[in-house]
Amino acid sequence: MSKIYKRSNLVSGVRPKKKDEKARKRNVIMNFRVSEQEKKLIDQRIALSGLSKADYFISICMNNSISVSGNVKTFDAIKEAMKTIDRHLCEVEKPEELDEDVLELLRGILEILDGFYGGGERC
């Protein structure tokens, strides 16, 4: 058998996968639909920001305030999330055992409730 020819730039030119600040691979895809006009406006804002699309959307979603109008679905989701948080807090014996994801969930709930009931102090 003959050897398979590999171009040298295939091996040396390969960049490693980009990882976020916690050294996790970003392997989950999120999609949503917009109108042509909304797409143009979003693309303009992304271009002005100087960020990549992914970094722009992550930054916008994670660092902006949340404005929610309350309905039964919203309060049911908050109630279920609070049950999850309660179960976790009942299992924890030391502060080191607190799960960061559960704390982020609690922070999100507090931001939503802050929008409902008006400004409390922010950290």
PDB file of N, CA and C in Angstrom:
ATOM      1  N   MET A   1       0.820  -1.182   0.000  1.00  0.00           N
ATOM      2  CA  MET A   1       0.000   0.000   0.000  1.00  0.00           C
ATOM      3  C   MET A   1       0.868   1.252   0.000  1.00  0.00           C
ATOM      4  N   SER A   2       0.345   2.274  -0.605  1.00  0.00           N
ATOM      5  CA  SER A   2       1.077   3.527  -0.640  1.00  0.00           C
ATOM      6  C   SER A   2       0.629   4.424   0.512  1.00  0.00           C
ATOM      7  N   LYS A   3       1.493   5.354   0.860  1.00  0.00           N
ATOM      8  CA  LYS A   3       1.179   6.286   1.942  1.00  0.00           C
ATOM      9  C   LYS A   3       0.167   7.324   1.459  1.00  0.00           C
ATOM     10  N   ILE A   4      -0.660   7.789   2.366  1.00  0.00           N
ATOM     11  CA  ILE A   4      -1.616   8.835   2.049  1.00  0.00           C
ATOM     12  C   ILE A   4      -0.915  10.174   2.194  1.00  0.00           C
ATOM     13  N   TYR A   5      -1.044  11.001   1.168  1.00  0.00           N
ATOM     14  CA  TYR A   5      -0.403  12.302   1.171  1.00  0.00           C
ATOM     15  C   TYR A   5      -1.210  13.274   2.025  1.00  0.00           C
ATOM     16  N   LYS A   6      -0.540  13.945   2.972  1.00  0.00           N
ATOM     17  CA  LYS A   6      -1.174  14.979   3.787  1.00  0.00           C
ATOM     18  C   LYS A   6      -0.420  16.274   3.574  1.00  0.00           C
ATOM     19  N   ARG A   7      -1.162  17.304   3.286  1.00  0.00           N
ATOM     20  CA  ARG A   7      -0.512  18.604   3.151  1.00  0.00           C
ATOM     21  C   ARG A   7      -0.027  19.035   4.526  1.00  0.00           C
ATOM     22  N   SER A   8       1.141  19.647   4.572  1.00  0.00           N
ATOM     23  CA  SER A   8       1.722  20.044   5.852  1.00  0.00           C
ATOM     24  C   SER A   8       0.900  21.129   6.538  1.00  0.00           C
ATOM     25  N   ASN A   9       0.214  21.989   5.757  1.00  0.00           N
ATOM     26  CA  ASN A   9      -0.536  23.062   6.384  1.00  0.00           C
ATOM     27  C   ASN A   9      -1.823  22.567   7.043  1.00  0.00           C
ATOM     28  N   LEU A  10      -2.251  21.356   6.743  1.00  0.00           N
ATOM     29  CA  LEU A  10      -3.431  20.818   7.411  1.00  0.00           C
ATOM     30  C   LEU A  10      -3.162  20.559   8.884  1.00  0.00           C
ATOM     31  N   VAL A  11      -1.968  20.105   9.177  1.00  0.00           N
ATOM     32  CA  VAL A  11      -1.629  19.799  10.554  1.00  0.00           C
ATOM     33  C   VAL A  11      -1.168  21.052  11.285  1.00  0.00           C
ATOM     34  N   SER A  12      -0.279  21.827  10.681  1.00  0.00           N
ATOM     35  CA  SER A  12       0.273  22.982  11.371  1.00  0.00           C
ATOM     36  C   SER A  12      -0.675  24.173  11.387  1.00  0.00           C
ATOM     37  N   GLY A  13      -1.598  24.264  10.429  1.00  0.00           N
ATOM     38  CA  GLY A  13      -2.486  25.415  10.360  1.00  0.00           C
ATOM     39  C   GLY A  13      -3.776  25.263  11.140  1.00  0.00           C
ATOM     40  N   VAL A  14      -3.931  24.160  11.822  1.00  0.00           N
ATOM     41  CA  VAL A  14      -5.161  23.908  12.564  1.00  0.00           C
ATOM     42  C   VAL A  14      -5.113  24.681  13.877  1.00  0.00           C
ATOM     43  N   ARG A  15      -6.157  25.463  14.119  1.00  0.00           N
ATOM     44  CA  ARG A  15      -6.246  26.206  15.372  1.00  0.00           C
ATOM     45  C   ARG A  15      -7.041  25.387  16.385  1.00  0.00           C
ATOM     46  N   PRO A  16      -6.651  25.439  17.639  1.00  0.00           N
ATOM     47  CA  PRO A  16      -7.420  24.712  18.647  1.00  0.00           C
ATOM     48  C   PRO A  16      -8.797  25.339  18.826  1.00  0.00           C
ATOM     49  N   LYS A  17      -9.747  24.533  19.267  1.00  0.00           N
ATOM     50  CA  LYS A  17     -11.096  25.027  19.507  1.00  0.00           C
ATOM     51  C   LYS A  17     -11.054  26.131  20.555  1.00  0.00           C
ATOM     52  N   LYS A  18     -11.852  27.184  20.320  1.00  0.00           N
ATOM     53  CA  LYS A  18     -11.912  28.287  21.260  1.00  0.00           C
ATOM     54  C   LYS A  18     -12.707  27.852  22.489  1.00  0.00           C
ATOM     55  N   LYS A  19     -12.183  28.182  23.654  1.00  0.00           N
ATOM     56  CA  LYS A  19     -12.852  27.841  24.897  1.00  0.00           C
ATOM     57  C   LYS A  19     -13.213  29.123  25.629  1.00  0.00           C
ATOM     58  N   ASP A  20     -14.262  29.058  26.444  1.00  0.00           N
ATOM     59  CA  ASP A  20     -14.665  30.237  27.198  1.00  0.00           C
ATOM     60  C   ASP A  20     -13.773  30.407  28.425  1.00  0.00           C
ATOM     61  N   GLU A  21     -14.098  31.376  29.273  1.00  0.00           N
ATOM     62  CA  GLU A  21     -13.261  31.713  30.413  1.00  0.00           C
ATOM     63  C   GLU A  21     -13.151  30.581  31.432  1.00  0.00           C
ATOM     64  N   LYS A  22     -14.055  29.624  31.420  1.00  0.00           N
ATOM     65  CA  LYS A  22     -13.972  28.497  32.346  1.00  0.00           C
ATOM     66  C   LYS A  22     -13.387  27.265  31.670  1.00  0.00           C
ATOM     67  N   ALA A  23     -12.740  27.452  30.506  1.00  0.00           N
ATOM     68  CA  ALA A  23     -12.068  26.391  29.749  1.00  0.00           C
ATOM     69  C   ALA A  23     -13.022  25.292  29.307  1.00  0.00           C
ATOM     70  N   ARG A  24     -14.274  25.664  28.972  1.00  0.00           N
ATOM     71  CA  ARG A  24     -15.235  24.705  28.459  1.00  0.00           C
ATOM     72  C   ARG A  24     -15.379  24.934  26.964  1.00  0.00           C
ATOM     73  N   LYS A  25     -15.571  23.868  26.230  1.00  0.00           N
ATOM     74  CA  LYS A  25     -15.833  24.008  24.802  1.00  0.00           C
ATOM     75  C   LYS A  25     -17.262  24.492  24.609  1.00  0.00           C
ATOM     76  N   ARG A  26     -17.448  25.351  23.645  1.00  0.00           N
ATOM     77  CA  ARG A  26     -18.785  25.829  23.311  1.00  0.00           C
ATOM     78  C   ARG A  26     -19.346  24.926  22.231  1.00  0.00           C
ATOM     79  N   ASN A  27     -20.084  23.922  22.645  1.00  0.00           N
ATOM     80  CA  ASN A  27     -20.591  22.953  21.680  1.00  0.00           C
ATOM     81  C   ASN A  27     -22.118  22.936  21.602  1.00  0.00           C
ATOM     82  N   VAL A  28     -22.791  23.918  22.202  1.00  0.00           N
ATOM     83  CA  VAL A  28     -24.241  23.997  22.161  1.00  0.00           C
ATOM     84  C   VAL A  28     -24.639  25.125  21.219  1.00  0.00           C
ATOM     85  N   ILE A  29     -25.596  24.856  20.348  1.00  0.00           N
ATOM     86  CA  ILE A  29     -26.048  25.844  19.376  1.00  0.00           C
ATOM     87  C   ILE A  29     -27.404  26.378  19.804  1.00  0.00           C
ATOM     88  N   MET A  30     -27.568  27.694  19.746  1.00  0.00           N
ATOM     89  CA  MET A  30     -28.850  28.327  20.050  1.00  0.00           C
ATOM     90  C   MET A  30     -29.300  29.093  18.807  1.00  0.00           C
ATOM     91  N   ASN A  31     -30.548  28.910  18.413  1.00  0.00           N
ATOM     92  CA  ASN A  31     -31.092  29.571  17.228  1.00  0.00           C
ATOM     93  C   ASN A  31     -32.360  30.318  17.575  1.00  0.00           C
ATOM     94  N   PHE A  32     -32.635  31.371  16.831  1.00  0.00           N
ATOM     95  CA  PHE A  32     -33.903  32.076  16.937  1.00  0.00           C
ATOM     96  C   PHE A  32     -34.169  32.791  15.623  1.00  0.00           C
ATOM     97  N   ARG A  33     -35.406  33.124  15.393  1.00  0.00           N
ATOM     98  CA  ARG A  33     -35.807  33.755  14.138  1.00  0.00           C
ATOM     99  C   ARG A  33     -36.020  35.245  14.330  1.00  0.00           C
ATOM    100  N   VAL A  34     -35.626  36.015  13.295  1.00  0.00           N
ATOM    101  CA  VAL A  34     -35.833  37.459  13.276  1.00  0.00           C
ATOM    102  C   VAL A  34     -36.287  37.866  11.881  1.00  0.00           C
ATOM    103  N   SER A  35     -36.844  39.064  11.775  1.00  0.00           N
ATOM    104  CA  SER A  35     -37.217  39.589  10.465  1.00  0.00           C
ATOM    105  C   SER A  35     -35.959  40.144   9.778  1.00  0.00           C
ATOM    106  N   GLU A  36     -36.063  40.458   8.501  1.00  0.00           N
ATOM    107  CA  GLU A  36     -34.927  41.029   7.766  1.00  0.00           C
ATOM    108  C   GLU A  36     -34.488  42.350   8.395  1.00  0.00           C
ATOM    109  N   GLN A  37     -35.456  43.175   8.772  1.00  0.00           N
ATOM    110  CA  GLN A  37     -35.143  44.473   9.389  1.00  0.00           C
ATOM    111  C   GLN A  37     -34.418  44.280  10.722  1.00  0.00           C
ATOM    112  N   GLU A  38     -34.904  43.350  11.551  1.00  0.00           N
ATOM    113  CA  GLU A  38     -34.258  43.073  12.833  1.00  0.00           C
ATOM    114  C   GLU A  38     -32.838  42.555  12.615  1.00  0.00           C
ATOM    115  N   LYS A  39     -32.648  41.699  11.611  1.00  0.00           N
ATOM    116  CA  LYS A  39     -31.314  41.167  11.310  1.00  0.00           C
ATOM    117  C   LYS A  39     -30.348  42.280  10.939  1.00  0.00           C
ATOM    118  N   LYS A  40     -30.813  43.228  10.105  1.00  0.00           N
ATOM    119  CA  LYS A  40     -29.945  44.348   9.713  1.00  0.00           C
ATOM    120  C   LYS A  40     -29.538  45.170  10.928  1.00  0.00           C
ATOM    121  N   LEU A  41     -30.499  45.456  11.796  1.00  0.00           N
ATOM    122  CA  LEU A  41     -30.193  46.243  12.997  1.00  0.00           C
ATOM    123  C   LEU A  41     -29.223  45.502  13.923  1.00  0.00           C
ATOM    124  N   ILE A  42     -29.455  44.208  14.093  1.00  0.00           N
ATOM    125  CA  ILE A  42     -28.567  43.409  14.947  1.00  0.00           C
ATOM    126  C   ILE A  42     -27.169  43.372  14.359  1.00  0.00           C
ATOM    127  N   ASP A  43     -27.060  43.132  13.052  1.00  0.00           N
ATOM    128  CA  ASP A  43     -25.746  43.091  12.400  1.00  0.00           C
ATOM    129  C   ASP A  43     -25.023  44.426  12.522  1.00  0.00           C
ATOM    130  N   GLN A  44     -25.749  45.543  12.429  1.00  0.00           N
ATOM    131  CA  GLN A  44     -25.131  46.861  12.590  1.00  0.00           C
ATOM    132  C   GLN A  44     -24.571  47.025  14.000  1.00  0.00           C
ATOM    133  N   ARG A  45     -25.337  46.605  14.987  1.00  0.00           N
ATOM    134  CA  ARG A  45     -24.873  46.724  16.369  1.00  0.00           C
ATOM    135  C   ARG A  45     -23.661  45.832  16.635  1.00  0.00           C
ATOM    136  N   ILE A  46     -23.673  44.644  16.045  1.00  0.00           N
ATOM    137  CA  ILE A  46     -22.523  43.745  16.213  1.00  0.00           C
ATOM    138  C   ILE A  46     -21.288  44.359  15.592  1.00  0.00           C
ATOM    139  N   ALA A  47     -21.428  44.930  14.400  1.00  0.00           N
ATOM    140  CA  ALA A  47     -20.285  45.564  13.721  1.00  0.00           C
ATOM    141  C   ALA A  47     -19.746  46.733  14.550  1.00  0.00           C
ATOM    142  N   LEU A  48     -20.626  47.524  15.129  1.00  0.00           N
ATOM    143  CA  LEU A  48     -20.199  48.657  15.948  1.00  0.00           C
ATOM    144  C   LEU A  48     -19.514  48.223  17.234  1.00  0.00           C
ATOM    145  N   SER A  49     -19.896  47.058  17.750  1.00  0.00           N
ATOM    146  CA  SER A  49     -19.319  46.592  19.012  1.00  0.00           C
ATOM    147  C   SER A  49     -17.884  46.102  18.852  1.00  0.00           C
ATOM    148  N   GLY A  50     -17.550  45.598  17.655  1.00  0.00           N
ATOM    149  CA  GLY A  50     -16.217  45.038  17.454  1.00  0.00           C
ATOM    150  C   GLY A  50     -16.069  43.624  17.975  1.00  0.00           C
ATOM    151  N   LEU A  51     -17.158  43.027  18.441  1.00  0.00           N
ATOM    152  CA  LEU A  51     -17.124  41.660  18.961  1.00  0.00           C
ATOM    153  C   LEU A  51     -17.556  40.670  17.888  1.00  0.00           C
ATOM    154  N   SER A  52     -17.259  39.400  18.100  1.00  0.00           N
ATOM    155  CA  SER A  52     -17.808  38.361  17.224  1.00  0.00           C
ATOM    156  C   SER A  52     -19.286  38.215  17.551  1.00  0.00           C
ATOM    157  N   LYS A  53     -20.044  37.592  16.663  1.00  0.00           N
ATOM    158  CA  LYS A  53     -21.477  37.411  16.914  1.00  0.00           C
ATOM    159  C   LYS A  53     -21.708  36.639  18.207  1.00  0.00           C
ATOM    160  N   ALA A  54     -20.971  35.562  18.386  1.00  0.00           N
ATOM    161  CA  ALA A  54     -21.151  34.739  19.584  1.00  0.00           C
ATOM    162  C   ALA A  54     -20.870  35.550  20.845  1.00  0.00           C
ATOM    163  N   ASP A  55     -19.736  36.261  20.864  1.00  0.00           N
ATOM    164  CA  ASP A  55     -19.389  37.047  22.048  1.00  0.00           C
ATOM    165  C   ASP A  55     -20.400  38.165  22.293  1.00  0.00           C
ATOM    166  N   TYR A  56     -20.900  38.776  21.211  1.00  0.00           N
ATOM    167  CA  TYR A  56     -21.899  39.836  21.340  1.00  0.00           C
ATOM    168  C   TYR A  56     -23.175  39.294  21.990  1.00  0.00           C
ATOM    169  N   PHE A  57     -23.697  38.175  21.477  1.00  0.00           N
ATOM    170  CA  PHE A  57     -24.940  37.631  22.015  1.00  0.00           C
ATOM    171  C   PHE A  57     -24.768  37.163  23.462  1.00  0.00           C
ATOM    172  N   ILE A  58     -23.643  36.539  23.752  1.00  0.00           N
ATOM    173  CA  ILE A  58     -23.393  36.093  25.129  1.00  0.00           C
ATOM    174  C   ILE A  58     -23.333  37.297  26.058  1.00  0.00           C
ATOM    175  N   SER A  59     -22.628  38.338  25.638  1.00  0.00           N
ATOM    176  CA  SER A  59     -22.511  39.540  26.453  1.00  0.00           C
ATOM    177  C   SER A  59     -23.862  40.202  26.678  1.00  0.00           C
ATOM    178  N   ILE A  60     -24.649  40.327  25.623  1.00  0.00           N
ATOM    179  CA  ILE A  60     -25.963  40.944  25.734  1.00  0.00           C
ATOM    180  C   ILE A  60     -26.868  40.133  26.667  1.00  0.00           C
ATOM    181  N   CYS A  61     -26.852  38.832  26.509  1.00  0.00           N
ATOM    182  CA  CYS A  61     -27.744  37.989  27.321  1.00  0.00           C
ATOM    183  C   CYS A  61     -27.329  37.926  28.786  1.00  0.00           C
ATOM    184  N   MET A  62     -26.047  37.943  29.045  1.00  0.00           N
ATOM    185  CA  MET A  62     -25.578  37.744  30.408  1.00  0.00           C
ATOM    186  C   MET A  62     -25.432  39.045  31.202  1.00  0.00           C
ATOM    187  N   ASN A  63     -25.259  40.178  30.535  1.00  0.00           N
ATOM    188  CA  ASN A  63     -24.899  41.398  31.247  1.00  0.00           C
ATOM    189  C   ASN A  63     -25.957  42.495  31.229  1.00  0.00           C
ATOM    190  N   ASN A  64     -27.117  42.237  30.689  1.00  0.00           N
ATOM    191  CA  ASN A  64     -28.159  43.261  30.645  1.00  0.00           C
ATOM    192  C   ASN A  64     -29.302  42.931  31.584  1.00  0.00           C
ATOM    193  N   SER A  65     -30.037  43.969  31.958  1.00  0.00           N
ATOM    194  CA  SER A  65     -31.170  43.755  32.850  1.00  0.00           C
ATOM    195  C   SER A  65     -32.291  43.046  32.091  1.00  0.00           C
ATOM    196  N   ILE A  66     -33.145  42.391  32.849  1.00  0.00           N
ATOM    197  CA  ILE A  66     -34.218  41.604  32.269  1.00  0.00           C
ATOM    198  C   ILE A  66     -35.539  42.327  32.521  1.00  0.00           C
ATOM    199  N   SER A  67     -36.335  42.469  31.487  1.00  0.00           N
ATOM    200  CA  SER A  67     -37.658  43.079  31.613  1.00  0.00           C
ATOM    201  C   SER A  67     -38.692  42.025  31.238  1.00  0.00           C
ATOM    202  N   VAL A  68     -39.468  41.581  32.225  1.00  0.00           N
ATOM    203  CA  VAL A  68     -40.426  40.511  32.020  1.00  0.00           C
ATOM    204  C   VAL A  68     -41.796  40.979  32.475  1.00  0.00           C
ATOM    205  N   SER A  69     -42.809  40.653  31.682  1.00  0.00           N
ATOM    206  CA  SER A  69     -44.171  40.898  32.151  1.00  0.00           C
ATOM    207  C   SER A  69     -44.686  39.591  32.736  1.00  0.00           C
ATOM    208  N   GLY A  70     -45.141  39.668  33.970  1.00  0.00           N
ATOM    209  CA  GLY A  70     -45.524  38.464  34.688  1.00  0.00           C
ATOM    210  C   GLY A  70     -46.799  37.829  34.158  1.00  0.00           C
ATOM    211  N   ASN A  71     -46.776  36.515  34.092  1.00  0.00           N
ATOM    212  CA  ASN A  71     -47.965  35.743  33.755  1.00  0.00           C
ATOM    213  C   ASN A  71     -47.875  34.406  34.478  1.00  0.00           C
ATOM    214  N   VAL A  72     -48.851  33.573  34.318  1.00  0.00           N
ATOM    215  CA  VAL A  72     -48.887  32.288  35.020  1.00  0.00           C
ATOM    216  C   VAL A  72     -47.675  31.433  34.662  1.00  0.00           C
ATOM    217  N   LYS A  73     -47.309  31.419  33.391  1.00  0.00           N
ATOM    218  CA  LYS A  73     -46.169  30.616  32.934  1.00  0.00           C
ATOM    219  C   LYS A  73     -44.877  31.071  33.615  1.00  0.00           C
ATOM    220  N   THR A  74     -44.677  32.385  33.732  1.00  0.00           N
ATOM    221  CA  THR A  74     -43.475  32.920  34.371  1.00  0.00           C
ATOM    222  C   THR A  74     -43.417  32.504  35.834  1.00  0.00           C
ATOM    223  N   PHE A  75     -44.521  32.677  36.532  1.00  0.00           N
ATOM    224  CA  PHE A  75     -44.513  32.350  37.957  1.00  0.00           C
ATOM    225  C   PHE A  75     -44.396  30.849  38.202  1.00  0.00           C
ATOM    226  N   ASP A  76     -44.950  30.021  37.330  1.00  0.00           N
ATOM    227  CA  ASP A  76     -44.780  28.567  37.453  1.00  0.00           C
ATOM    228  C   ASP A  76     -43.316  28.183  37.271  1.00  0.00           C
ATOM    229  N   ALA A  77     -42.643  28.801  36.293  1.00  0.00           N
ATOM    230  CA  ALA A  77     -41.225  28.510  36.058  1.00  0.00           C
ATOM    231  C   ALA A  77     -40.381  28.943  37.254  1.00  0.00           C
ATOM    232  N   ILE A  78     -40.692  30.105  37.824  1.00  0.00           N
ATOM    233  CA  ILE A  78     -39.960  30.573  39.007  1.00  0.00           C
ATOM    234  C   ILE A  78     -40.200  29.633  40.179  1.00  0.00           C
ATOM    235  N   LYS A  79     -41.435  29.190  40.355  1.00  0.00           N
ATOM    236  CA  LYS A  79     -41.762  28.274  41.451  1.00  0.00           C
ATOM    237  C   LYS A  79     -40.982  26.961  41.327  1.00  0.00           C
ATOM    238  N   GLU A  80     -40.917  26.399  40.125  1.00  0.00           N
ATOM    239  CA  GLU A  80     -40.168  25.149  39.919  1.00  0.00           C
ATOM    240  C   GLU A  80     -38.672  25.354  40.152  1.00  0.00           C
ATOM    241  N   ALA A  81     -38.142  26.488  39.681  1.00  0.00           N
ATOM    242  CA  ALA A  81     -36.724  26.779  39.886  1.00  0.00           C
ATOM    243  C   ALA A  81     -36.419  26.953  41.370  1.00  0.00           C
ATOM    244  N   MET A  82     -37.313  27.572  42.105  1.00  0.00           N
ATOM    245  CA  MET A  82     -37.117  27.751  43.541  1.00  0.00           C
ATOM    246  C   MET A  82     -37.142  26.410  44.280  1.00  0.00           C
ATOM    247  N   LYS A  83     -37.939  25.464  43.801  1.00  0.00           N
ATOM    248  CA  LYS A  83     -37.936  24.120  44.391  1.00  0.00           C
ATOM    249  C   LYS A  83     -36.574  23.462  44.199  1.00  0.00           C
ATOM    250  N   THR A  84     -35.994  23.620  43.010  1.00  0.00           N
ATOM    251  CA  THR A  84     -34.661  23.072  42.727  1.00  0.00           C
ATOM    252  C   THR A  84     -33.620  23.697  43.654  1.00  0.00           C
ATOM    253  N   ILE A  85     -33.684  25.008  43.804  1.00  0.00           N
ATOM    254  CA  ILE A  85     -32.744  25.713  44.673  1.00  0.00           C
ATOM    255  C   ILE A  85     -32.921  25.257  46.120  1.00  0.00           C
ATOM    256  N   ASP A  86     -34.158  25.113  46.563  1.00  0.00           N
ATOM    257  CA  ASP A  86     -34.441  24.672  47.928  1.00  0.00           C
ATOM    258  C   ASP A  86     -33.859  23.282  48.189  1.00  0.00           C
ATOM    259  N   ARG A  87     -34.067  22.353  47.244  1.00  0.00           N
ATOM    260  CA  ARG A  87     -33.519  20.993  47.405  1.00  0.00           C
ATOM    261  C   ARG A  87     -32.000  21.039  47.532  1.00  0.00           C
ATOM    262  N   HIS A  88     -31.368  21.856  46.688  1.00  0.00           N
ATOM    263  CA  HIS A  88     -29.907  21.953  46.724  1.00  0.00           C
ATOM    264  C   HIS A  88     -29.436  22.527  48.060  1.00  0.00           C
ATOM    265  N   LEU A  89     -30.085  23.592  48.530  1.00  0.00           N
ATOM    266  CA  LEU A  89     -29.676  24.213  49.790  1.00  0.00           C
ATOM    267  C   LEU A  89     -29.887  23.285  50.982  1.00  0.00           C
ATOM    268  N   CYS A  90     -30.890  22.433  50.928  1.00  0.00           N
ATOM    269  CA  CYS A  90     -31.116  21.469  52.004  1.00  0.00           C
ATOM    270  C   CYS A  90     -30.026  20.395  52.042  1.00  0.00           C
ATOM    271  N   GLU A  91     -29.438  20.091  50.900  1.00  0.00           N
ATOM    272  CA  GLU A  91     -28.393  19.069  50.828  1.00  0.00           C
ATOM    273  C   GLU A  91     -27.017  19.603  51.212  1.00  0.00           C
ATOM    274  N   VAL A  92     -26.820  20.913  51.119  1.00  0.00           N
ATOM    275  CA  VAL A  92     -25.507  21.522  51.359  1.00  0.00           C
ATOM    276  C   VAL A  92     -25.231  21.615  52.846  1.00  0.00           C
ATOM    277  N   GLU A  93     -24.022  21.198  53.232  1.00  0.00           N
ATOM    278  CA  GLU A  93     -23.621  21.303  54.630  1.00  0.00           C
ATOM    279  C   GLU A  93     -22.563  22.376  54.829  1.00  0.00           C
ATOM    280  N   LYS A  94     -21.739  22.630  53.788  1.00  0.00           N
ATOM    281  CA  LYS A  94     -20.669  23.621  53.871  1.00  0.00           C
ATOM    282  C   LYS A  94     -20.806  24.588  52.695  1.00  0.00           C
ATOM    283  N   PRO A  95     -20.408  25.831  52.882  1.00  0.00           N
ATOM    284  CA  PRO A  95     -20.493  26.809  51.783  1.00  0.00           C
ATOM    285  C   PRO A  95     -19.727  26.377  50.529  1.00  0.00           C
ATOM    286  N   GLU A  96     -18.664  25.598  50.695  1.00  0.00           N
ATOM    287  CA  GLU A  96     -17.867  25.148  49.552  1.00  0.00           C
ATOM    288  C   GLU A  96     -18.648  24.196  48.646  1.00  0.00           C
ATOM    289  N   GLU A  97     -19.706  23.596  49.171  1.00  0.00           N
ATOM    290  CA  GLU A  97     -20.499  22.630  48.409  1.00  0.00           C
ATOM    291  C   GLU A  97     -21.573  23.284  47.547  1.00  0.00           C
ATOM    292  N   LEU A  98     -21.719  24.608  47.649  1.00  0.00           N
ATOM    293  CA  LEU A  98     -22.727  25.302  46.844  1.00  0.00           C
ATOM    294  C   LEU A  98     -22.391  25.181  45.366  1.00  0.00           C
ATOM    295  N   ASP A  99     -23.373  24.862  44.569  1.00  0.00           N
ATOM    296  CA  ASP A  99     -23.210  24.705  43.121  1.00  0.00           C
ATOM    297  C   ASP A  99     -23.354  26.063  42.447  1.00  0.00           C
ATOM    298  N   GLU A 100     -22.362  26.444  41.629  1.00  0.00           N
ATOM    299  CA  GLU A 100     -22.391  27.739  40.947  1.00  0.00           C
ATOM    300  C   GLU A 100     -23.601  27.881  40.028  1.00  0.00           C
ATOM    301  N   ASP A 101     -24.006  26.801  39.378  1.00  0.00           N
ATOM    302  CA  ASP A 101     -25.159  26.862  38.479  1.00  0.00           C
ATOM    303  C   ASP A 101     -26.443  27.189  39.243  1.00  0.00           C
ATOM    304  N   VAL A 102     -26.575  26.628  40.432  1.00  0.00           N
ATOM    305  CA  VAL A 102     -27.759  26.908  41.251  1.00  0.00           C
ATOM    306  C   VAL A 102     -27.737  28.362  41.722  1.00  0.00           C
ATOM    307  N   LEU A 103     -26.562  28.861  42.067  1.00  0.00           N
ATOM    308  CA  LEU A 103     -26.456  30.262  42.473  1.00  0.00           C
ATOM    309  C   LEU A 103     -26.768  31.211  41.319  1.00  0.00           C
ATOM    310  N   GLU A 104     -26.339  30.851  40.104  1.00  0.00           N
ATOM    311  CA  GLU A 104     -26.666  31.668  38.927  1.00  0.00           C
ATOM    312  C   GLU A 104     -28.164  31.643  38.644  1.00  0.00           C
ATOM    313  N   LEU A 105     -28.790  30.489  38.852  1.00  0.00           N
ATOM    314  CA  LEU A 105     -30.234  30.385  38.695  1.00  0.00           C
ATOM    315  C   LEU A 105     -30.934  31.306  39.692  1.00  0.00           C
ATOM    316  N   LEU A 106     -30.466  31.309  40.928  1.00  0.00           N
ATOM    317  CA  LEU A 106     -31.040  32.182  41.949  1.00  0.00           C
ATOM    318  C   LEU A 106     -30.840  33.652  41.582  1.00  0.00           C
ATOM    319  N   ARG A 107     -29.666  33.998  41.087  1.00  0.00           N
ATOM    320  CA  ARG A 107     -29.405  35.380  40.668  1.00  0.00           C
ATOM    321  C   ARG A 107     -30.368  35.797  39.554  1.00  0.00           C
ATOM    322  N   GLY A 108     -30.612  34.918  38.589  1.00  0.00           N
ATOM    323  CA  GLY A 108     -31.543  35.213  37.503  1.00  0.00           C
ATOM    324  C   GLY A 108     -32.950  35.445  38.010  1.00  0.00           C
ATOM    325  N   ILE A 109     -33.380  34.606  38.954  1.00  0.00           N
ATOM    326  CA  ILE A 109     -34.716  34.762  39.532  1.00  0.00           C
ATOM    327  C   ILE A 109     -34.814  36.101  40.255  1.00  0.00           C
ATOM    328  N   LEU A 110     -33.791  36.447  41.007  1.00  0.00           N
ATOM    329  CA  LEU A 110     -33.805  37.719  41.734  1.00  0.00           C
ATOM    330  C   LEU A 110     -33.849  38.913  40.781  1.00  0.00           C
ATOM    331  N   GLU A 111     -33.145  38.823  39.643  1.00  0.00           N
ATOM    332  CA  GLU A 111     -33.198  39.898  38.656  1.00  0.00           C
ATOM    333  C   GLU A 111     -34.595  40.040  38.068  1.00  0.00           C
ATOM    334  N   ILE A 112     -35.243  38.919  37.795  1.00  0.00           N
ATOM    335  CA  ILE A 112     -36.606  38.959  37.255  1.00  0.00           C
ATOM    336  C   ILE A 112     -37.558  39.565  38.286  1.00  0.00           C
ATOM    337  N   LEU A 113     -37.463  39.116  39.540  1.00  0.00           N
ATOM    338  CA  LEU A 113     -38.334  39.646  40.585  1.00  0.00           C
ATOM    339  C   LEU A 113     -38.053  41.119  40.855  1.00  0.00           C
ATOM    340  N   ASP A 114     -36.793  41.524  40.719  1.00  0.00           N
ATOM    341  CA  ASP A 114     -36.445  42.931  40.864  1.00  0.00           C
ATOM    342  C   ASP A 114     -37.154  43.766  39.797  1.00  0.00           C
ATOM    343  N   GLY A 115     -37.269  43.214  38.591  1.00  0.00           N
ATOM    344  CA  GLY A 115     -37.995  43.904  37.527  1.00  0.00           C
ATOM    345  C   GLY A 115     -39.482  44.003  37.816  1.00  0.00           C
ATOM    346  N   PHE A 116     -40.033  42.993  38.468  1.00  0.00           N
ATOM    347  CA  PHE A 116     -41.455  43.018  38.826  1.00  0.00           C
ATOM    348  C   PHE A 116     -41.750  44.075  39.884  1.00  0.00           C
ATOM    349  N   TYR A 117     -40.948  44.042  40.941  1.00  0.00           N
ATOM    350  CA  TYR A 117     -41.280  44.794  42.136  1.00  0.00           C
ATOM    351  C   TYR A 117     -40.474  46.066  42.327  1.00  0.00           C
ATOM    352  N   GLY A 118     -39.561  46.359  41.422  1.00  0.00           N
ATOM    353  CA  GLY A 118     -38.805  47.590  41.542  1.00  0.00           C
ATOM    354  C   GLY A 118     -37.489  47.400  42.257  1.00  0.00           C
ATOM    355  N   GLY A 119     -36.640  48.388  42.075  1.00  0.00           N
ATOM    356  CA  GLY A 119     -35.218  48.303  42.412  1.00  0.00           C
ATOM    357  C   GLY A 119     -34.852  48.065  43.839  1.00  0.00           C
ATOM    358  N   GLY A 120     -34.251  46.934  44.063  1.00  0.00           N
ATOM    359  CA  GLY A 120     -33.536  46.689  45.303  1.00  0.00           C
ATOM    360  C   GLY A 120     -32.081  47.007  45.052  1.00  0.00           C
ATOM    361  N   GLU A 121     -31.242  46.796  46.044  1.00  0.00           N
ATOM    362  CA  GLU A 121     -29.815  47.057  45.868  1.00  0.00           C
ATOM    363  C   GLU A 121     -29.187  45.983  45.001  1.00  0.00           C
ATOM    364  N   ARG A 122     -28.254  46.392  44.145  1.00  0.00           N
ATOM    365  CA  ARG A 122     -27.549  45.447  43.268  1.00  0.00           C
ATOM    366  C   ARG A 122     -26.108  45.321  43.717  1.00  0.00           C
ATOM    367  N   CYS A 123     -25.559  44.124  43.533  1.00  0.00           N
ATOM    368  CA  CYS A 123     -24.157  43.930  43.886  1.00  0.00           C
ATOM    369  C   CYS A 123     -23.298  43.930  42.645  1.00  0.00           C
TER     370      CYS A 123
END
